[in-house]
């Protein structure tokens, strides 16, 4: 198994000093096993975040994804399966990059 807090923990338990790890490895495990465990741990982290939101009265009925990771069917399916809600890929797959470009252009005075 994997704990994906390699850069600290986020919602619902915020701890910037938390560290990730891999446990239960044997000599028969391959890099594929490690990679899958890391992917699953991130999806489990997403589920924990959404559980925290649900406890505060904010339900999530769909996950909307964008960015390069959406090119991985495994990544999106793991999230849908582990979190238990559908995953929708945004029409503009690079929406995060587009948003950054818009903010930069406004900050530089090109627009707005």
N, C-alpha and C. Protein backbone atom coordinates (compact mmCIF):
# COMPACT_ATOMS: atom_id res chain seq x y z
N UNK A 1 0.81 -1.17 0.00
CA UNK A 1 0.00 0.00 0.00
C UNK A 1 0.87 1.25 0.00
N UNK A 2 0.25 2.36 -0.29
CA UNK A 2 0.97 3.63 -0.36
C UNK A 2 0.21 4.71 0.40
N UNK A 3 0.95 5.60 0.98
CA UNK A 3 0.41 6.80 1.60
C UNK A 3 0.96 7.96 0.79
N UNK A 4 0.07 8.71 0.14
CA UNK A 4 0.51 9.68 -0.88
C UNK A 4 0.79 11.07 -0.35
N UNK A 5 1.17 11.18 0.89
CA UNK A 5 1.44 12.51 1.46
C UNK A 5 2.93 12.87 1.35
N UNK A 6 3.48 12.73 0.17
CA UNK A 6 4.91 13.00 -0.02
C UNK A 6 5.23 14.48 0.06
N UNK A 7 4.21 15.34 -0.09
CA UNK A 7 4.41 16.79 0.02
C UNK A 7 3.53 17.35 1.13
N UNK A 8 3.29 16.58 2.16
CA UNK A 8 2.42 17.01 3.24
C UNK A 8 1.00 16.55 2.98
N UNK A 9 0.17 16.69 3.99
CA UNK A 9 -1.22 16.26 3.91
C UNK A 9 -2.12 17.46 3.67
N UNK A 10 -3.20 17.20 2.96
CA UNK A 10 -4.17 18.25 2.66
C UNK A 10 -5.49 17.94 3.34
N UNK A 11 -6.53 18.54 2.88
CA UNK A 11 -7.87 18.31 3.42
C UNK A 11 -8.17 16.81 3.43
N UNK A 12 -8.80 16.27 4.41
CA UNK A 12 -9.39 16.92 5.57
C UNK A 12 -8.43 17.09 6.75
N UNK A 13 -7.26 16.47 6.70
CA UNK A 13 -6.28 16.62 7.78
C UNK A 13 -5.08 17.36 7.21
N UNK A 14 -4.95 18.62 7.54
CA UNK A 14 -3.86 19.43 7.00
C UNK A 14 -2.64 19.30 7.89
N UNK A 15 -1.56 18.79 7.31
CA UNK A 15 -0.30 18.64 8.03
C UNK A 15 0.85 18.75 7.04
N UNK A 16 1.47 19.92 6.93
CA UNK A 16 2.54 20.10 5.96
C UNK A 16 3.77 19.24 6.24
N UNK A 17 3.87 18.69 7.43
CA UNK A 17 5.02 17.86 7.78
C UNK A 17 4.76 16.37 7.56
N UNK A 18 3.55 16.01 7.19
CA UNK A 18 3.24 14.59 6.94
C UNK A 18 4.08 14.08 5.78
N UNK A 19 4.45 12.85 5.85
CA UNK A 19 5.27 12.24 4.79
C UNK A 19 4.62 10.95 4.32
N UNK A 20 4.81 10.68 3.05
CA UNK A 20 4.23 9.49 2.44
C UNK A 20 5.11 8.28 2.65
N UNK A 21 4.64 7.16 2.17
CA UNK A 21 5.43 5.95 2.29
C UNK A 21 4.81 4.80 1.52
N UNK A 22 5.59 3.77 1.39
CA UNK A 22 5.16 2.52 0.77
C UNK A 22 5.33 1.42 1.81
N UNK A 23 4.31 0.60 1.99
CA UNK A 23 4.39 -0.48 2.97
C UNK A 23 3.97 -1.79 2.34
N UNK A 24 4.47 -2.87 2.92
CA UNK A 24 4.07 -4.20 2.49
C UNK A 24 4.77 -4.71 1.25
N UNK A 25 5.83 -4.03 0.84
CA UNK A 25 6.54 -4.47 -0.37
C UNK A 25 7.35 -5.72 -0.12
N UNK A 26 7.39 -6.57 -1.13
CA UNK A 26 8.25 -7.76 -1.10
C UNK A 26 9.09 -7.75 -2.37
N UNK A 27 9.99 -8.69 -2.48
CA UNK A 27 10.82 -8.79 -3.67
C UNK A 27 10.02 -9.17 -4.91
N UNK A 28 8.81 -9.67 -4.73
CA UNK A 28 8.00 -10.05 -5.90
C UNK A 28 7.21 -8.87 -6.47
N UNK A 29 7.17 -7.75 -5.77
CA UNK A 29 6.46 -6.58 -6.29
C UNK A 29 7.29 -5.90 -7.39
N UNK A 30 6.59 -5.41 -8.38
CA UNK A 30 7.25 -4.74 -9.51
C UNK A 30 6.97 -3.25 -9.46
N UNK A 31 7.59 -2.50 -10.35
CA UNK A 31 7.31 -1.07 -10.41
C UNK A 31 5.85 -0.82 -10.78
N UNK A 32 5.25 -1.76 -11.51
CA UNK A 32 3.82 -1.65 -11.82
C UNK A 32 2.96 -1.68 -10.57
N UNK A 33 3.32 -2.56 -9.62
CA UNK A 33 2.59 -2.61 -8.36
C UNK A 33 2.73 -1.29 -7.59
N UNK A 34 3.93 -0.75 -7.57
CA UNK A 34 4.18 0.51 -6.86
C UNK A 34 3.40 1.63 -7.52
N UNK A 35 3.44 1.69 -8.84
CA UNK A 35 2.72 2.74 -9.57
C UNK A 35 1.23 2.66 -9.31
N UNK A 36 0.67 1.46 -9.38
CA UNK A 36 -0.76 1.28 -9.12
C UNK A 36 -1.11 1.70 -7.69
N UNK A 37 -0.28 1.33 -6.73
CA UNK A 37 -0.53 1.72 -5.34
C UNK A 37 -0.52 3.23 -5.17
N UNK A 38 0.39 3.91 -5.86
CA UNK A 38 0.44 5.37 -5.78
C UNK A 38 -0.81 5.99 -6.40
N UNK A 39 -1.24 5.49 -7.55
CA UNK A 39 -2.45 6.01 -8.19
C UNK A 39 -3.67 5.81 -7.28
N UNK A 40 -3.78 4.61 -6.71
CA UNK A 40 -4.90 4.33 -5.83
C UNK A 40 -4.86 5.21 -4.59
N UNK A 41 -3.67 5.48 -4.06
CA UNK A 41 -3.58 6.30 -2.85
C UNK A 41 -4.03 7.73 -3.11
N UNK A 42 -3.74 8.26 -4.29
CA UNK A 42 -4.20 9.61 -4.63
C UNK A 42 -5.72 9.63 -4.73
N UNK A 43 -6.30 8.62 -5.36
CA UNK A 43 -7.76 8.54 -5.46
C UNK A 43 -8.40 8.39 -4.08
N UNK A 44 -7.76 7.64 -3.19
CA UNK A 44 -8.26 7.52 -1.82
C UNK A 44 -8.17 8.86 -1.09
N UNK A 45 -7.13 9.64 -1.39
CA UNK A 45 -7.02 10.99 -0.84
C UNK A 45 -8.15 11.88 -1.32
N UNK A 46 -8.50 11.75 -2.60
CA UNK A 46 -9.64 12.49 -3.14
C UNK A 46 -10.92 12.10 -2.42
N UNK A 47 -11.07 10.80 -2.19
CA UNK A 47 -12.27 10.33 -1.47
C UNK A 47 -12.33 10.91 -0.06
N UNK A 48 -11.18 10.99 0.61
CA UNK A 48 -11.14 11.58 1.96
C UNK A 48 -11.52 13.06 1.92
N UNK A 49 -11.03 13.79 0.92
CA UNK A 49 -11.39 15.21 0.77
C UNK A 49 -12.89 15.37 0.58
N UNK A 50 -13.47 14.56 -0.29
CA UNK A 50 -14.89 14.66 -0.56
C UNK A 50 -15.73 14.21 0.62
N UNK A 51 -15.22 13.27 1.41
CA UNK A 51 -15.92 12.86 2.63
C UNK A 51 -15.94 14.02 3.63
N UNK A 52 -14.84 14.76 3.71
CA UNK A 52 -14.80 15.94 4.57
C UNK A 52 -15.80 16.99 4.14
N UNK A 53 -15.90 17.20 2.83
CA UNK A 53 -16.89 18.15 2.32
C UNK A 53 -18.31 17.67 2.61
N UNK A 54 -18.55 16.37 2.45
CA UNK A 54 -19.88 15.81 2.71
C UNK A 54 -20.25 15.99 4.18
N UNK A 55 -19.29 15.80 5.07
CA UNK A 55 -19.54 15.98 6.50
C UNK A 55 -19.91 17.42 6.83
N UNK A 56 -19.45 18.35 5.99
CA UNK A 56 -19.77 19.76 6.17
C UNK A 56 -21.03 20.17 5.41
N UNK A 57 -21.70 19.17 4.79
CA UNK A 57 -22.96 19.44 4.10
C UNK A 57 -22.84 19.74 2.62
N UNK A 58 -21.70 19.44 2.03
CA UNK A 58 -21.49 19.71 0.60
C UNK A 58 -21.26 18.39 -0.13
N UNK A 59 -22.29 17.90 -0.78
CA UNK A 59 -22.20 16.63 -1.49
C UNK A 59 -21.60 16.81 -2.88
N UNK A 60 -20.90 15.81 -3.34
CA UNK A 60 -20.30 15.81 -4.67
C UNK A 60 -20.96 14.70 -5.48
N UNK A 61 -21.59 15.07 -6.58
CA UNK A 61 -22.27 14.06 -7.40
C UNK A 61 -21.49 13.71 -8.66
N UNK A 62 -20.43 14.48 -8.95
CA UNK A 62 -19.61 14.23 -10.13
C UNK A 62 -18.23 14.86 -9.92
N UNK A 63 -17.21 14.23 -10.47
CA UNK A 63 -15.86 14.81 -10.47
C UNK A 63 -15.59 15.29 -11.89
N UNK A 64 -15.24 16.55 -12.02
CA UNK A 64 -14.88 17.11 -13.33
C UNK A 64 -13.36 17.22 -13.37
N UNK A 65 -12.75 16.58 -14.35
CA UNK A 65 -11.30 16.54 -14.45
C UNK A 65 -10.82 17.24 -15.71
N UNK A 66 -9.64 17.84 -15.60
CA UNK A 66 -8.96 18.44 -16.74
C UNK A 66 -7.47 18.29 -16.52
N UNK A 67 -6.70 18.53 -17.55
CA UNK A 67 -5.25 18.43 -17.44
C UNK A 67 -4.73 17.14 -18.05
N UNK A 68 -3.43 17.04 -18.08
CA UNK A 68 -2.78 15.93 -18.74
C UNK A 68 -3.14 14.56 -18.21
N UNK A 69 -3.43 14.46 -16.91
CA UNK A 69 -3.75 13.16 -16.32
C UNK A 69 -5.03 12.56 -16.90
N UNK A 70 -5.87 13.41 -17.49
CA UNK A 70 -7.13 12.90 -18.03
C UNK A 70 -6.91 12.02 -19.26
N UNK A 71 -5.70 12.00 -19.79
CA UNK A 71 -5.40 11.11 -20.92
C UNK A 71 -5.28 9.66 -20.48
N UNK A 72 -5.25 9.44 -19.17
CA UNK A 72 -5.13 8.09 -18.64
C UNK A 72 -6.50 7.55 -18.24
N UNK A 73 -6.98 6.57 -18.97
CA UNK A 73 -8.26 5.95 -18.64
C UNK A 73 -8.20 5.29 -17.26
N UNK A 74 -7.04 4.73 -16.92
CA UNK A 74 -6.88 4.10 -15.60
C UNK A 74 -7.06 5.14 -14.49
N UNK A 75 -6.43 6.30 -14.64
CA UNK A 75 -6.51 7.37 -13.64
C UNK A 75 -7.96 7.79 -13.41
N UNK A 76 -8.67 8.05 -14.49
CA UNK A 76 -10.05 8.52 -14.35
C UNK A 76 -10.96 7.42 -13.82
N UNK A 77 -10.75 6.18 -14.26
CA UNK A 77 -11.58 5.07 -13.78
C UNK A 77 -11.32 4.78 -12.31
N UNK A 78 -10.07 4.85 -11.87
CA UNK A 78 -9.76 4.64 -10.45
C UNK A 78 -10.51 5.66 -9.60
N UNK A 79 -10.49 6.92 -10.02
CA UNK A 79 -11.21 7.95 -9.26
C UNK A 79 -12.70 7.66 -9.22
N UNK A 80 -13.29 7.32 -10.35
CA UNK A 80 -14.72 7.03 -10.39
C UNK A 80 -15.07 5.85 -9.48
N UNK A 81 -14.26 4.80 -9.53
CA UNK A 81 -14.52 3.60 -8.75
C UNK A 81 -14.31 3.84 -7.26
N UNK A 82 -13.18 4.42 -6.90
CA UNK A 82 -12.84 4.61 -5.48
C UNK A 82 -13.71 5.67 -4.82
N UNK A 83 -13.96 6.76 -5.52
CA UNK A 83 -14.78 7.83 -4.94
C UNK A 83 -16.27 7.50 -5.02
N UNK A 84 -16.65 6.76 -6.05
CA UNK A 84 -18.04 6.34 -6.17
C UNK A 84 -18.95 7.34 -6.86
N UNK A 85 -18.35 8.21 -7.66
CA UNK A 85 -19.15 9.16 -8.45
C UNK A 85 -18.59 9.17 -9.88
N UNK A 86 -19.41 9.58 -10.85
CA UNK A 86 -18.90 9.63 -12.23
C UNK A 86 -17.80 10.68 -12.39
N UNK A 87 -16.90 10.42 -13.32
CA UNK A 87 -15.86 11.38 -13.69
C UNK A 87 -16.19 11.91 -15.08
N UNK A 88 -16.21 13.22 -15.20
CA UNK A 88 -16.46 13.87 -16.49
C UNK A 88 -15.20 14.61 -16.90
N UNK A 89 -14.74 14.34 -18.11
CA UNK A 89 -13.56 15.03 -18.63
C UNK A 89 -14.03 16.32 -19.31
N UNK A 90 -13.42 17.41 -18.94
CA UNK A 90 -13.82 18.70 -19.49
C UNK A 90 -13.54 18.77 -20.98
N UNK A 91 -14.38 19.53 -21.70
CA UNK A 91 -14.23 19.68 -23.14
C UNK A 91 -12.85 20.23 -23.48
N UNK A 92 -12.40 21.23 -22.74
CA UNK A 92 -11.04 21.78 -22.91
C UNK A 92 -10.14 21.03 -21.94
N UNK A 93 -9.45 20.00 -22.44
CA UNK A 93 -8.67 19.14 -21.55
C UNK A 93 -7.54 19.89 -20.86
N UNK A 94 -7.08 20.97 -21.46
CA UNK A 94 -6.00 21.74 -20.83
C UNK A 94 -6.53 23.01 -20.16
N UNK A 95 -7.72 22.90 -19.57
CA UNK A 95 -8.34 24.05 -18.88
C UNK A 95 -7.43 24.64 -17.79
N UNK A 96 -6.70 23.85 -17.01
CA UNK A 96 -5.82 24.45 -16.00
C UNK A 96 -4.75 25.35 -16.64
N UNK A 97 -4.16 24.89 -17.74
CA UNK A 97 -3.16 25.68 -18.44
C UNK A 97 -3.77 26.94 -19.03
N UNK A 98 -4.96 26.82 -19.61
CA UNK A 98 -5.65 27.98 -20.16
C UNK A 98 -5.94 29.01 -19.07
N UNK A 99 -6.40 28.56 -17.91
CA UNK A 99 -6.67 29.46 -16.80
C UNK A 99 -5.42 30.20 -16.35
N UNK A 100 -4.30 29.49 -16.29
CA UNK A 100 -3.03 30.13 -15.91
C UNK A 100 -2.63 31.19 -16.93
N UNK A 101 -2.81 30.88 -18.21
CA UNK A 101 -2.46 31.84 -19.26
C UNK A 101 -3.34 33.09 -19.17
N UNK A 102 -4.62 32.90 -18.90
CA UNK A 102 -5.52 34.04 -18.77
C UNK A 102 -5.11 34.91 -17.58
N UNK A 103 -4.85 34.28 -16.44
CA UNK A 103 -4.42 35.03 -15.26
C UNK A 103 -3.11 35.77 -15.50
N UNK A 104 -2.17 35.13 -16.17
CA UNK A 104 -0.90 35.77 -16.47
C UNK A 104 -1.08 36.97 -17.39
N UNK A 105 -1.95 36.82 -18.38
CA UNK A 105 -2.16 37.94 -19.32
C UNK A 105 -2.84 39.12 -18.63
N UNK A 106 -3.74 38.84 -17.71
CA UNK A 106 -4.36 39.92 -16.94
C UNK A 106 -3.33 40.57 -16.02
N UNK A 107 -2.53 39.73 -15.36
CA UNK A 107 -1.49 40.26 -14.45
C UNK A 107 -0.45 41.09 -15.17
N UNK A 108 -0.17 40.73 -16.43
CA UNK A 108 0.82 41.47 -17.22
C UNK A 108 0.21 42.69 -17.88
N UNK A 109 -1.09 42.88 -17.73
CA UNK A 109 -1.74 44.04 -18.31
C UNK A 109 -2.13 43.89 -19.76
N UNK A 110 -2.02 42.69 -20.31
CA UNK A 110 -2.39 42.46 -21.70
C UNK A 110 -3.91 42.52 -21.84
N UNK A 111 -4.62 41.98 -20.86
CA UNK A 111 -6.09 42.01 -20.83
C UNK A 111 -6.56 42.52 -19.49
N UNK A 112 -7.78 43.05 -19.48
CA UNK A 112 -8.45 43.42 -18.25
C UNK A 112 -8.02 44.70 -17.68
